[in-house]
Amino acid sequence: MRDAEYAVRGKIPLQGEQIMMDIRSGTSGSKYAFTQTTSLNIGNPQAVGQGHISFNREVISGCLNPSQLKTDALSEDAKNRALKYLSLLETPMGAYTSNSKGFGFVRQKIVEFIQKRD
């Protein structure tokens, strides 16, 4: 392959959007041999049935709003992870860290993951 393009806004997605609008508006008649489309552009796995990834969101929510850790709003696993992270933070979640590269314990976990994977 010589000429590849990352075109999430290129001709094909734009044409697909137009086809979807035609079908929804009912103006397509028998112009298409189908009655629905599925948008497969990047970043939308829920469009093809993947559920929402809630664990990460719950952990972040618990870190940003520790009062939620005392409620049933979050899963126990998320609460435990949030508590662990909060115990390692030197500054509140969302605040600037002393190192512009981010929290040391997070960077270390990334290193460990990459070393294990590779």
PDB file of N, CA and C in Angstrom:
ATOM      1  N   MET A   1       0.846  -1.167   0.000  1.00  0.00           N
ATOM      2  CA  MET A   1       0.000   0.000   0.000  1.00  0.00           C
ATOM      3  C   MET A   1       0.896   1.236   0.000  1.00  0.00           C
ATOM      4  N   ARG A   2       0.661   2.125  -0.895  1.00  0.00           N
ATOM      5  CA  ARG A   2       1.502   3.320  -0.996  1.00  0.00           C
ATOM      6  C   ARG A   2       0.803   4.563  -0.505  1.00  0.00           C
ATOM      7  N   ASP A   3      -0.454   4.696  -0.841  1.00  0.00           N
ATOM      8  CA  ASP A   3      -1.182   5.901  -0.476  1.00  0.00           C
ATOM      9  C   ASP A   3      -2.318   5.550   0.476  1.00  0.00           C
ATOM     10  N   ALA A   4      -2.079   5.778   1.741  1.00  0.00           N
ATOM     11  CA  ALA A   4      -3.112   5.543   2.743  1.00  0.00           C
ATOM     12  C   ALA A   4      -3.478   6.888   3.351  1.00  0.00           C
ATOM     13  N   GLU A   5      -4.707   6.980   3.771  1.00  0.00           N
ATOM     14  CA  GLU A   5      -5.176   8.240   4.314  1.00  0.00           C
ATOM     15  C   GLU A   5      -6.047   7.967   5.527  1.00  0.00           C
ATOM     16  N   TYR A   6      -5.830   8.722   6.557  1.00  0.00           N
ATOM     17  CA  TYR A   6      -6.662   8.652   7.753  1.00  0.00           C
ATOM     18  C   TYR A   6      -7.740   9.716   7.581  1.00  0.00           C
ATOM     19  N   ALA A   7      -8.832   9.330   6.962  1.00  0.00           N
ATOM     20  CA  ALA A   7      -9.817  10.314   6.535  1.00  0.00           C
ATOM     21  C   ALA A   7     -11.138  10.139   7.268  1.00  0.00           C
ATOM     22  N   VAL A   8     -11.170  10.523   8.535  1.00  0.00           N
ATOM     23  CA  VAL A   8     -12.426  10.420   9.276  1.00  0.00           C
ATOM     24  C   VAL A   8     -13.413  11.488   8.833  1.00  0.00           C
ATOM     25  N   ARG A   9     -12.960  12.462   8.077  1.00  0.00           N
ATOM     26  CA  ARG A   9     -13.832  13.503   7.543  1.00  0.00           C
ATOM     27  C   ARG A   9     -13.758  13.550   6.020  1.00  0.00           C
ATOM     28  N   GLY A  10     -13.308  12.495   5.427  1.00  0.00           N
ATOM     29  CA  GLY A  10     -13.134  12.464   3.976  1.00  0.00           C
ATOM     30  C   GLY A  10     -14.411  12.144   3.230  1.00  0.00           C
ATOM     31  N   LYS A  11     -14.248  11.821   1.962  1.00  0.00           N
ATOM     32  CA  LYS A  11     -15.370  11.606   1.051  1.00  0.00           C
ATOM     33  C   LYS A  11     -16.280  10.454   1.488  1.00  0.00           C
ATOM     34  N   ILE A  12     -15.697   9.352   1.899  1.00  0.00           N
ATOM     35  CA  ILE A  12     -16.513   8.179   2.245  1.00  0.00           C
ATOM     36  C   ILE A  12     -17.384   8.441   3.479  1.00  0.00           C
ATOM     37  N   PRO A  13     -16.850   8.930   4.601  1.00  0.00           N
ATOM     38  CA  PRO A  13     -17.740   9.203   5.739  1.00  0.00           C
ATOM     39  C   PRO A  13     -18.794  10.268   5.420  1.00  0.00           C
ATOM     40  N   LEU A  14     -18.419  11.262   4.642  1.00  0.00           N
ATOM     41  CA  LEU A  14     -19.388  12.299   4.281  1.00  0.00           C
ATOM     42  C   LEU A  14     -20.505  11.737   3.406  1.00  0.00           C
ATOM     43  N   GLN A  15     -20.152  10.864   2.478  1.00  0.00           N
ATOM     44  CA  GLN A  15     -21.166  10.236   1.629  1.00  0.00           C
ATOM     45  C   GLN A  15     -22.063   9.321   2.470  1.00  0.00           C
ATOM     46  N   GLY A  16     -21.463   8.599   3.404  1.00  0.00           N
ATOM     47  CA  GLY A  16     -22.249   7.739   4.291  1.00  0.00           C
ATOM     48  C   GLY A  16     -23.233   8.544   5.122  1.00  0.00           C
ATOM     49  N   GLU A  17     -22.801   9.693   5.597  1.00  0.00           N
ATOM     50  CA  GLU A  17     -23.697  10.563   6.363  1.00  0.00           C
ATOM     51  C   GLU A  17     -24.859  11.050   5.488  1.00  0.00           C
ATOM     52  N   GLN A  18     -24.565  11.387   4.255  1.00  0.00           N
ATOM     53  CA  GLN A  18     -25.622  11.833   3.337  1.00  0.00           C
ATOM     54  C   GLN A  18     -26.622  10.713   3.074  1.00  0.00           C
ATOM     55  N   ILE A  19     -26.117   9.486   2.895  1.00  0.00           N
ATOM     56  CA  ILE A  19     -27.008   8.343   2.679  1.00  0.00           C
ATOM     57  C   ILE A  19     -27.913   8.144   3.896  1.00  0.00           C
ATOM     58  N   MET A  20     -27.334   8.242   5.107  1.00  0.00           N
ATOM     59  CA  MET A  20     -28.144   8.097   6.319  1.00  0.00           C
ATOM     60  C   MET A  20     -29.226   9.174   6.382  1.00  0.00           C
ATOM     61  N   MET A  21     -28.884  10.398   6.032  1.00  0.00           N
ATOM     62  CA  MET A  21     -29.871  11.479   6.041  1.00  0.00           C
ATOM     63  C   MET A  21     -30.967  11.222   5.005  1.00  0.00           C
ATOM     64  N   ASP A  22     -30.585  10.729   3.825  1.00  0.00           N
ATOM     65  CA  ASP A  22     -31.578  10.395   2.788  1.00  0.00           C
ATOM     66  C   ASP A  22     -32.558   9.340   3.298  1.00  0.00           C
ATOM     67  N   ILE A  23     -32.017   8.295   3.902  1.00  0.00           N
ATOM     68  CA  ILE A  23     -32.868   7.202   4.390  1.00  0.00           C
ATOM     69  C   ILE A  23     -33.796   7.705   5.494  1.00  0.00           C
ATOM     70  N   ARG A  24     -33.251   8.459   6.436  1.00  0.00           N
ATOM     71  CA  ARG A  24     -34.073   8.968   7.552  1.00  0.00           C
ATOM     72  C   ARG A  24     -35.174   9.905   7.075  1.00  0.00           C
ATOM     73  N   SER A  25     -34.872  10.697   6.072  1.00  0.00           N
ATOM     74  CA  SER A  25     -35.862  11.671   5.593  1.00  0.00           C
ATOM     75  C   SER A  25     -36.952  11.025   4.746  1.00  0.00           C
ATOM     76  N   GLY A  26     -36.693   9.797   4.303  1.00  0.00           N
ATOM     77  CA  GLY A  26     -37.672   9.097   3.476  1.00  0.00           C
ATOM     78  C   GLY A  26     -37.637   9.516   2.018  1.00  0.00           C
ATOM     79  N   THR A  27     -36.629  10.291   1.632  1.00  0.00           N
ATOM     80  CA  THR A  27     -36.551  10.762   0.242  1.00  0.00           C
ATOM     81  C   THR A  27     -35.752   9.829  -0.649  1.00  0.00           C
ATOM     82  N   SER A  28     -35.208   8.769  -0.065  1.00  0.00           N
ATOM     83  CA  SER A  28     -34.335   7.903  -0.865  1.00  0.00           C
ATOM     84  C   SER A  28     -35.100   6.966  -1.785  1.00  0.00           C
ATOM     85  N   GLY A  29     -36.389   6.731  -1.472  1.00  0.00           N
ATOM     86  CA  GLY A  29     -37.182   5.822  -2.309  1.00  0.00           C
ATOM     87  C   GLY A  29     -36.482   4.488  -2.469  1.00  0.00           C
ATOM     88  N   SER A  30     -36.317   4.028  -3.696  1.00  0.00           N
ATOM     89  CA  SER A  30     -35.614   2.770  -3.958  1.00  0.00           C
ATOM     90  C   SER A  30     -34.200   3.039  -4.453  1.00  0.00           C
ATOM     91  N   LYS A  31     -33.678   4.206  -4.089  1.00  0.00           N
ATOM     92  CA  LYS A  31     -32.331   4.597  -4.512  1.00  0.00           C
ATOM     93  C   LYS A  31     -31.257   3.656  -3.946  1.00  0.00           C
ATOM     94  N   TYR A  32     -31.524   3.095  -2.758  1.00  0.00           N
ATOM     95  CA  TYR A  32     -30.548   2.210  -2.110  1.00  0.00           C
ATOM     96  C   TYR A  32     -31.167   0.830  -1.924  1.00  0.00           C
ATOM     97  N   ALA A  33     -30.333  -0.179  -1.963  1.00  0.00           N
ATOM     98  CA  ALA A  33     -30.797  -1.563  -1.799  1.00  0.00           C
ATOM     99  C   ALA A  33     -30.804  -1.959  -0.318  1.00  0.00           C
ATOM    100  N   PHE A  34     -30.829  -0.976   0.581  1.00  0.00           N
ATOM    101  CA  PHE A  34     -30.821  -1.227   2.018  1.00  0.00           C
ATOM    102  C   PHE A  34     -31.610  -0.111   2.693  1.00  0.00           C
ATOM    103  N   THR A  35     -31.988  -0.360   3.942  1.00  0.00           N
ATOM    104  CA  THR A  35     -32.810   0.615   4.659  1.00  0.00           C
ATOM    105  C   THR A  35     -32.116   1.210   5.876  1.00  0.00           C
ATOM    106  N   GLN A  36     -30.910   0.769   6.136  1.00  0.00           N
ATOM    107  CA  GLN A  36     -30.152   1.335   7.257  1.00  0.00           C
ATOM    108  C   GLN A  36     -28.666   1.179   7.008  1.00  0.00           C
ATOM    109  N   THR A  37     -27.893   1.970   7.718  1.00  0.00           N
ATOM    110  CA  THR A  37     -26.435   1.882   7.631  1.00  0.00           C
ATOM    111  C   THR A  37     -25.867   1.845   9.047  1.00  0.00           C
ATOM    112  N   THR A  38     -24.623   1.484   9.166  1.00  0.00           N
ATOM    113  CA  THR A  38     -23.908   1.514  10.436  1.00  0.00           C
ATOM    114  C   THR A  38     -22.650   2.330  10.239  1.00  0.00           C
ATOM    115  N   SER A  39     -22.540   3.394  11.006  1.00  0.00           N
ATOM    116  CA  SER A  39     -21.357   4.248  10.928  1.00  0.00           C
ATOM    117  C   SER A  39     -20.194   3.540  11.610  1.00  0.00           C
ATOM    118  N   LEU A  40     -19.130   3.317  10.884  1.00  0.00           N
ATOM    119  CA  LEU A  40     -17.981   2.601  11.446  1.00  0.00           C
ATOM    120  C   LEU A  40     -16.754   3.487  11.582  1.00  0.00           C
ATOM    121  N   ASN A  41     -16.975   4.789  11.630  1.00  0.00           N
ATOM    122  CA  ASN A  41     -15.817   5.659  11.802  1.00  0.00           C
ATOM    123  C   ASN A  41     -15.231   5.473  13.202  1.00  0.00           C
ATOM    124  N   ILE A  42     -13.987   5.846  13.349  1.00  0.00           N
ATOM    125  CA  ILE A  42     -13.240   5.578  14.573  1.00  0.00           C
ATOM    126  C   ILE A  42     -13.861   6.278  15.783  1.00  0.00           C
ATOM    127  N   GLY A  43     -13.740   5.647  16.903  1.00  0.00           N
ATOM    128  CA  GLY A  43     -14.160   6.267  18.140  1.00  0.00           C
ATOM    129  C   GLY A  43     -15.613   6.049  18.516  1.00  0.00           C
ATOM    130  N   ASN A  44     -16.313   5.148  17.859  1.00  0.00           N
ATOM    131  CA  ASN A  44     -17.706   4.938  18.176  1.00  0.00           C
ATOM    132  C   ASN A  44     -18.041   3.449  18.239  1.00  0.00           C
ATOM    133  N   PRO A  45     -17.379   2.701  19.111  1.00  0.00           N
ATOM    134  CA  PRO A  45     -17.665   1.261  19.174  1.00  0.00           C
ATOM    135  C   PRO A  45     -19.075   0.956  19.670  1.00  0.00           C
ATOM    136  N   GLN A  46     -19.711   1.907  20.353  1.00  0.00           N
ATOM    137  CA  GLN A  46     -21.068   1.669  20.826  1.00  0.00           C
ATOM    138  C   GLN A  46     -22.048   1.564  19.651  1.00  0.00           C
ATOM    139  N   ALA A  47     -21.689   2.138  18.508  1.00  0.00           N
ATOM    140  CA  ALA A  47     -22.562   2.067  17.336  1.00  0.00           C
ATOM    141  C   ALA A  47     -22.723   0.635  16.831  1.00  0.00           C
ATOM    142  N   VAL A  48     -21.777  -0.235  17.166  1.00  0.00           N
ATOM    143  CA  VAL A  48     -21.867  -1.627  16.726  1.00  0.00           C
ATOM    144  C   VAL A  48     -22.061  -2.577  17.905  1.00  0.00           C
ATOM    145  N   GLY A  49     -22.561  -2.037  19.018  1.00  0.00           N
ATOM    146  CA  GLY A  49     -22.983  -2.881  20.118  1.00  0.00           C
ATOM    147  C   GLY A  49     -22.065  -3.004  21.310  1.00  0.00           C
ATOM    148  N   GLN A  50     -20.880  -2.402  21.288  1.00  0.00           N
ATOM    149  CA  GLN A  50     -20.022  -2.495  22.470  1.00  0.00           C
ATOM    150  C   GLN A  50     -20.631  -1.662  23.583  1.00  0.00           C
ATOM    151  N   GLY A  51     -20.683  -2.216  24.753  1.00  0.00           N
ATOM    152  CA  GLY A  51     -21.217  -1.476  25.891  1.00  0.00           C
ATOM    153  C   GLY A  51     -20.269  -0.376  26.318  1.00  0.00           C
ATOM    154  N   HIS A  52     -20.763   0.471  27.173  1.00  0.00           N
ATOM    155  CA  HIS A  52     -19.928   1.555  27.686  1.00  0.00           C
ATOM    156  C   HIS A  52     -18.923   0.993  28.681  1.00  0.00           C
ATOM    157  N   ILE A  53     -17.730   1.512  28.649  1.00  0.00           N
ATOM    158  CA  ILE A  53     -16.702   1.102  29.599  1.00  0.00           C
ATOM    159  C   ILE A  53     -16.898   1.967  30.838  1.00  0.00           C
ATOM    160  N   SER A  54     -17.541   1.414  31.838  1.00  0.00           N
ATOM    161  CA  SER A  54     -17.918   2.219  32.996  1.00  0.00           C
ATOM    162  C   SER A  54     -16.890   2.186  34.117  1.00  0.00           C
ATOM    163  N   PHE A  55     -16.077   1.137  34.210  1.00  0.00           N
ATOM    164  CA  PHE A  55     -15.152   1.019  35.340  1.00  0.00           C
ATOM    165  C   PHE A  55     -14.222   2.219  35.423  1.00  0.00           C
ATOM    166  N   ASN A  56     -13.583   2.585  34.315  1.00  0.00           N
ATOM    167  CA  ASN A  56     -12.654   3.719  34.339  1.00  0.00           C
ATOM    168  C   ASN A  56     -13.367   4.993  34.761  1.00  0.00           C
ATOM    169  N   ARG A  57     -14.569   5.176  34.253  1.00  0.00           N
ATOM    170  CA  ARG A  57     -15.336   6.371  34.596  1.00  0.00           C
ATOM    171  C   ARG A  57     -15.699   6.386  36.069  1.00  0.00           C
ATOM    172  N   GLU A  58     -16.045   5.224  36.603  1.00  0.00           N
ATOM    173  CA  GLU A  58     -16.383   5.141  38.028  1.00  0.00           C
ATOM    174  C   GLU A  58     -15.174   5.475  38.896  1.00  0.00           C
ATOM    175  N   VAL A  59     -13.998   4.953  38.535  1.00  0.00           N
ATOM    176  CA  VAL A  59     -12.786   5.215  39.316  1.00  0.00           C
ATOM    177  C   VAL A  59     -12.469   6.709  39.299  1.00  0.00           C
ATOM    178  N   ILE A  60     -12.504   7.301  38.120  1.00  0.00           N
ATOM    179  CA  ILE A  60     -12.219   8.732  38.015  1.00  0.00           C
ATOM    180  C   ILE A  60     -13.238   9.531  38.825  1.00  0.00           C
ATOM    181  N   SER A  61     -14.491   9.146  38.723  1.00  0.00           N
ATOM    182  CA  SER A  61     -15.535   9.830  39.478  1.00  0.00           C
ATOM    183  C   SER A  61     -15.271   9.737  40.978  1.00  0.00           C
ATOM    184  N   GLY A  62     -14.879   8.569  41.444  1.00  0.00           N
ATOM    185  CA  GLY A  62     -14.572   8.397  42.862  1.00  0.00           C
ATOM    186  C   GLY A  62     -13.382   9.215  43.307  1.00  0.00           C
ATOM    187  N   CYS A  63     -12.393   9.352  42.425  1.00  0.00           N
ATOM    188  CA  CYS A  63     -11.219  10.166  42.761  1.00  0.00           C
ATOM    189  C   CYS A  63     -11.550  11.657  42.779  1.00  0.00           C
ATOM    190  N   LEU A  64     -12.410  12.069  41.861  1.00  0.00           N
ATOM    191  CA  LEU A  64     -12.780  13.483  41.790  1.00  0.00           C
ATOM    192  C   LEU A  64     -13.823  13.859  42.836  1.00  0.00           C
ATOM    193  N   ASN A  65     -14.661  12.897  43.217  1.00  0.00           N
ATOM    194  CA  ASN A  65     -15.743  13.133  44.178  1.00  0.00           C
ATOM    195  C   ASN A  65     -15.705  12.054  45.256  1.00  0.00           C
ATOM    196  N   PRO A  66     -14.750  12.131  46.188  1.00  0.00           N
ATOM    197  CA  PRO A  66     -14.593  11.065  47.179  1.00  0.00           C
ATOM    198  C   PRO A  66     -15.851  10.779  47.995  1.00  0.00           C
ATOM    199  N   SER A  67     -16.768  11.729  48.077  1.00  0.00           N
ATOM    200  CA  SER A  67     -18.004  11.462  48.825  1.00  0.00           C
ATOM    201  C   SER A  67     -18.804  10.320  48.181  1.00  0.00           C
ATOM    202  N   GLN A  68     -18.607  10.082  46.892  1.00  0.00           N
ATOM    203  CA  GLN A  68     -19.296   8.981  46.220  1.00  0.00           C
ATOM    204  C   GLN A  68     -18.828   7.619  46.711  1.00  0.00           C
ATOM    205  N   LEU A  69     -17.646   7.578  47.317  1.00  0.00           N
ATOM    206  CA  LEU A  69     -17.118   6.305  47.805  1.00  0.00           C
ATOM    207  C   LEU A  69     -17.928   5.768  48.978  1.00  0.00           C
ATOM    208  N   LYS A  70     -18.757   6.618  49.564  1.00  0.00           N
ATOM    209  CA  LYS A  70     -19.596   6.209  50.701  1.00  0.00           C
ATOM    210  C   LYS A  70     -21.029   5.906  50.261  1.00  0.00           C
ATOM    211  N   THR A  71     -21.236   5.819  48.953  1.00  0.00           N
ATOM    212  CA  THR A  71     -22.582   5.560  48.430  1.00  0.00           C
ATOM    213  C   THR A  71     -22.583   4.264  47.621  1.00  0.00           C
ATOM    214  N   ASP A  72     -23.738   3.931  47.089  1.00  0.00           N
ATOM    215  CA  ASP A  72     -23.862   2.764  46.215  1.00  0.00           C
ATOM    216  C   ASP A  72     -23.750   3.154  44.742  1.00  0.00           C
ATOM    217  N   ALA A  73     -23.348   4.386  44.465  1.00  0.00           N
ATOM    218  CA  ALA A  73     -23.279   4.871  43.083  1.00  0.00           C
ATOM    219  C   ALA A  73     -22.163   4.181  42.292  1.00  0.00           C
ATOM    220  N   LEU A  74     -21.140   3.688  42.979  1.00  0.00           N
ATOM    221  CA  LEU A  74     -19.989   3.069  42.312  1.00  0.00           C
ATOM    222  C   LEU A  74     -19.879   1.606  42.718  1.00  0.00           C
ATOM    223  N   SER A  75     -19.311   0.800  41.815  1.00  0.00           N
ATOM    224  CA  SER A  75     -19.078  -0.609  42.145  1.00  0.00           C
ATOM    225  C   SER A  75     -17.995  -0.712  43.218  1.00  0.00           C
ATOM    226  N   GLU A  76     -17.987  -1.806  43.926  1.00  0.00           N
ATOM    227  CA  GLU A  76     -16.981  -2.003  44.982  1.00  0.00           C
ATOM    228  C   GLU A  76     -15.569  -2.011  44.400  1.00  0.00           C
ATOM    229  N   ASP A  77     -15.394  -2.642  43.242  1.00  0.00           N
ATOM    230  CA  ASP A  77     -14.074  -2.657  42.606  1.00  0.00           C
ATOM    231  C   ASP A  77     -13.601  -1.248  42.302  1.00  0.00           C
ATOM    232  N   ALA A  78     -14.491  -0.417  41.770  1.00  0.00           N
ATOM    233  CA  ALA A  78     -14.125   0.966  41.442  1.00  0.00           C
ATOM    234  C   ALA A  78     -13.811   1.755  42.703  1.00  0.00           C
ATOM    235  N   LYS A  79     -14.583   1.539  43.749  1.00  0.00           N
ATOM    236  CA  LYS A  79     -14.310   2.222  45.020  1.00  0.00           C
ATOM    237  C   LYS A  79     -12.929   1.860  45.543  1.00  0.00           C
ATOM    238  N   ASN A  80     -12.617   0.554  45.506  1.00  0.00           N
ATOM    239  CA  ASN A  80     -11.308   0.108  46.000  1.00  0.00           C
ATOM    240  C   ASN A  80     -10.167   0.705  45.188  1.00  0.00           C
ATOM    241  N   ARG A  81     -10.330   0.747  43.870  1.00  0.00           N
ATOM    242  CA  ARG A  81      -9.283   1.314  43.021  1.00  0.00           C
ATOM    243  C   ARG A  81      -9.135   2.816  43.282  1.00  0.00           C
ATOM    244  N   ALA A  82     -10.253   3.504  43.414  1.00  0.00           N
ATOM    245  CA  ALA A  82     -10.206   4.944  43.681  1.00  0.00           C
ATOM    246  C   ALA A  82      -9.515   5.219  45.018  1.00  0.00           C
ATOM    247  N   LEU A  83      -9.846   4.427  46.037  1.00  0.00           N
ATOM    248  CA  LEU A  83      -9.199   4.600  47.337  1.00  0.00           C
ATOM    249  C   LEU A  83      -7.690   4.379  47.253  1.00  0.00           C
ATOM    250  N   LYS A  84      -7.296   3.376  46.478  1.00  0.00           N
ATOM    251  CA  LYS A  84      -5.862   3.107  46.301  1.00  0.00           C
ATOM    252  C   LYS A  84      -5.179   4.305  45.647  1.00  0.00           C
ATOM    253  N   TYR A  85      -5.773   4.807  44.575  1.00  0.00           N
ATOM    254  CA  TYR A  85      -5.183   5.952  43.882  1.00  0.00           C
ATOM    255  C   TYR A  85      -5.145   7.183  44.776  1.00  0.00           C
ATOM    256  N   LEU A  86      -6.229   7.426  45.494  1.00  0.00           N
ATOM    257  CA  LEU A  86      -6.266   8.596  46.368  1.00  0.00           C
ATOM    258  C   LEU A  86      -5.177   8.525  47.437  1.00  0.00           C
ATOM    259  N   SER A  87      -4.875   7.309  47.901  1.00  0.00           N
ATOM    260  CA  SER A  87      -3.830   7.168  48.925  1.00  0.00           C
ATOM    261  C   SER A  87      -2.439   7.451  48.358  1.00  0.00           C
ATOM    262  N   LEU A  88      -2.294   7.361  47.040  1.00  0.00           N
ATOM    263  CA  LEU A  88      -0.994   7.592  46.402  1.00  0.00           C
ATOM    264  C   LEU A  88      -0.814   9.024  45.895  1.00  0.00           C
ATOM    265  N   LEU A  89      -1.888   9.773  45.853  1.00  0.00           N
ATOM    266  CA  LEU A  89      -1.810  11.132  45.315  1.00  0.00           C
ATOM    267  C   LEU A  89      -1.161  12.084  46.305  1.00  0.00           C
ATOM    268  N   GLU A  90      -0.312  12.939  45.783  1.00  0.00           N
ATOM    269  CA  GLU A  90       0.297  13.980  46.610  1.00  0.00           C
ATOM    270  C   GLU A  90      -0.487  15.278  46.497  1.00  0.00           C
ATOM    271  N   THR A  91      -1.200  15.444  45.409  1.00  0.00           N
ATOM    272  CA  THR A  91      -2.067  16.602  45.202  1.00  0.00           C
ATOM    273  C   THR A  91      -3.430  16.073  44.809  1.00  0.00           C
ATOM    274  N   PRO A  92      -4.473  16.839  44.972  1.00  0.00           N
ATOM    275  CA  PRO A  92      -5.805  16.347  44.618  1.00  0.00           C
ATOM    276  C   PRO A  92      -5.903  15.979  43.136  1.00  0.00           C
ATOM    277  N   MET A  93      -6.751  15.020  42.847  1.00  0.00           N
ATOM    278  CA  MET A  93      -6.994  14.598  41.464  1.00  0.00           C
ATOM    279  C   MET A  93      -7.442  15.817  40.665  1.00  0.00           C
ATOM    280  N   GLY A  94      -6.857  15.989  39.507  1.00  0.00           N
ATOM    281  CA  GLY A  94      -7.191  17.115  38.648  1.00  0.00           C
ATOM    282  C   GLY A  94      -6.295  18.314  38.855  1.00  0.00           C
ATOM    283  N   ALA A  95      -5.534  18.319  39.952  1.00  0.00           N
ATOM    284  CA  ALA A  95      -4.608  19.424  40.210  1.00  0.00           C
ATOM    285  C   ALA A  95      -3.286  19.146  39.499  1.00  0.00           C
ATOM    286  N   TYR A  96      -2.519  20.176  39.310  1.00  0.00           N
ATOM    287  CA  TYR A  96      -1.196  19.994  38.720  1.00  0.00           C
ATOM    288  C   TYR A  96      -0.328  19.176  39.669  1.00  0.00           C
ATOM    289  N   THR A  97       0.485  18.308  39.098  1.00  0.00           N
ATOM    290  CA  THR A  97       1.407  17.521  39.908  1.00  0.00           C
ATOM    291  C   THR A  97       2.724  18.271  39.994  1.00  0.00           C
ATOM    292  N   SER A  98       3.594  17.805  40.861  1.00  0.00           N
ATOM    293  CA  SER A  98       4.905  18.439  40.958  1.00  0.00           C
ATOM    294  C   SER A  98       5.759  18.120  39.727  1.00  0.00           C
ATOM    295  N   ASN A  99       5.403  17.071  39.008  1.00  0.00           N
ATOM    296  CA  ASN A  99       6.118  16.702  37.793  1.00  0.00           C
ATOM    297  C   ASN A  99       5.170  16.881  36.609  1.00  0.00           C
ATOM    298  N   SER A 100       5.580  17.648  35.636  1.00  0.00           N
ATOM    299  CA  SER A 100       4.699  17.936  34.498  1.00  0.00           C
ATOM    300  C   SER A 100       4.371  16.696  33.671  1.00  0.00           C
ATOM    301  N   LYS A 101       5.097  15.605  33.877  1.00  0.00           N
ATOM    302  CA  LYS A 101       4.823  14.363  33.149  1.00  0.00           C
ATOM    303  C   LYS A 101       3.690  13.570  33.793  1.00  0.00           C
ATOM    304  N   GLY A 102       3.227  13.998  34.949  1.00  0.00           N
ATOM    305  CA  GLY A 102       2.119  13.307  35.602  1.00  0.00           C
ATOM    306  C   GLY A 102       2.552  12.579  36.858  1.00  0.00           C
ATOM    307  N   PHE A 103       1.607  11.874  37.451  1.00  0.00           N
ATOM    308  CA  PHE A 103       1.859  11.159  38.701  1.00  0.00           C
ATOM    309  C   PHE A 103       2.857  10.034  38.482  1.00  0.00           C
ATOM    310  N   GLY A 104       3.864   9.966  39.362  1.00  0.00           N
ATOM    311  CA  GLY A 104       4.910   8.946  39.245  1.00  0.00           C
ATOM    312  C   GLY A 104       4.375   7.531  39.292  1.00  0.00           C
ATOM    313  N   PHE A 105       3.409   7.268  40.176  1.00  0.00           N
ATOM    314  CA  PHE A 105       2.884   5.899  40.292  1.00  0.00           C
ATOM    315  C   PHE A 105       2.145   5.485  39.029  1.00  0.00           C
ATOM    316  N   VAL A 106       1.529   6.432  38.341  1.00  0.00           N
ATOM    317  CA  VAL A 106       0.849   6.112  37.089  1.00  0.00           C
ATOM    318  C   VAL A 106       1.876   5.823  36.009  1.00  0.00           C
ATOM    319  N   ARG A 107       2.896   6.647  35.929  1.00  0.00           N
ATOM    320  CA  ARG A 107       3.950   6.422  34.919  1.00  0.00           C
ATOM    321  C   ARG A 107       4.634   5.079  35.156  1.00  0.00           C
ATOM    322  N   GLN A 108       4.848   4.707  36.412  1.00  0.00           N
ATOM    323  CA  GLN A 108       5.485   3.430  36.725  1.00  0.00           C
ATOM    324  C   GLN A 108       4.613   2.258  36.288  1.00  0.00           C
ATOM    325  N   LYS A 109       3.313   2.359  36.500  1.00  0.00           N
ATOM    326  CA  LYS A 109       2.404   1.293  36.070  1.00  0.00           C
ATOM    327  C   LYS A 109       2.425   1.144  34.552  1.00  0.00           C
ATOM    328  N   ILE A 110       2.536   2.244  33.835  1.00  0.00           N
ATOM    329  CA  ILE A 110       2.619   2.191  32.373  1.00  0.00           C
ATOM    330  C   ILE A 110       3.897   1.485  31.948  1.00  0.00           C
ATOM    331  N   VAL A 111       4.999   1.799  32.608  1.00  0.00           N
ATOM    332  CA  VAL A 111       6.275   1.138  32.320  1.00  0.00           C
ATOM    333  C   VAL A 111       6.143  -0.366  32.536  1.00  0.00           C
ATOM    334  N   GLU A 112       5.560  -0.756  33.664  1.00  0.00           N
ATOM    335  CA  GLU A 112       5.412  -2.177  33.978  1.00  0.00           C
ATOM    336  C   GLU A 112       4.528  -2.875  32.940  1.00  0.00           C
ATOM    337  N   PHE A 113       3.473  -2.227  32.529  1.00  0.00           N
ATOM    338  CA  PHE A 113       2.588  -2.809  31.525  1.00  0.00           C
ATOM    339  C   PHE A 113       3.324  -3.030  30.214  1.00  0.00           C
ATOM    340  N   ILE A 114       4.056  -2.017  29.754  1.00  0.00           N
ATOM    341  CA  ILE A 114       4.764  -2.116  28.478  1.00  0.00           C
ATOM    342  C   ILE A 114       5.851  -3.179  28.548  1.00  0.00           C
ATOM    343  N   GLN A 115       6.583  -3.227  29.666  1.00  0.00           N
ATOM    344  CA  GLN A 115       7.629  -4.245  29.817  1.00  0.00           C
ATOM    345  C   GLN A 115       7.033  -5.651  29.806  1.00  0.00           C
ATOM    346  N   LYS A 116       5.913  -5.834  30.470  1.00  0.00           N
ATOM    347  CA  LYS A 116       5.263  -7.160  30.500  1.00  0.00           C
ATOM    348  C   LYS A 116       4.748  -7.513  29.107  1.00  0.00           C
ATOM    349  N   ARG A 117       4.130  -6.544  28.456  1.00  0.00           N
ATOM    350  CA  ARG A 117       3.553  -6.784  27.123  1.00  0.00           C
ATOM    351  C   ARG A 117       4.641  -7.090  26.093  1.00  0.00           C
ATOM    352  N   ASP A 118       5.728  -6.349  26.111  1.00  0.00           N
ATOM    353  CA  ASP A 118       6.766  -6.488  25.082  1.00  0.00           C
ATOM    354  C   ASP A 118       7.828  -7.489  25.479  1.00  0.00           C
TER     355      ASP A 118
END
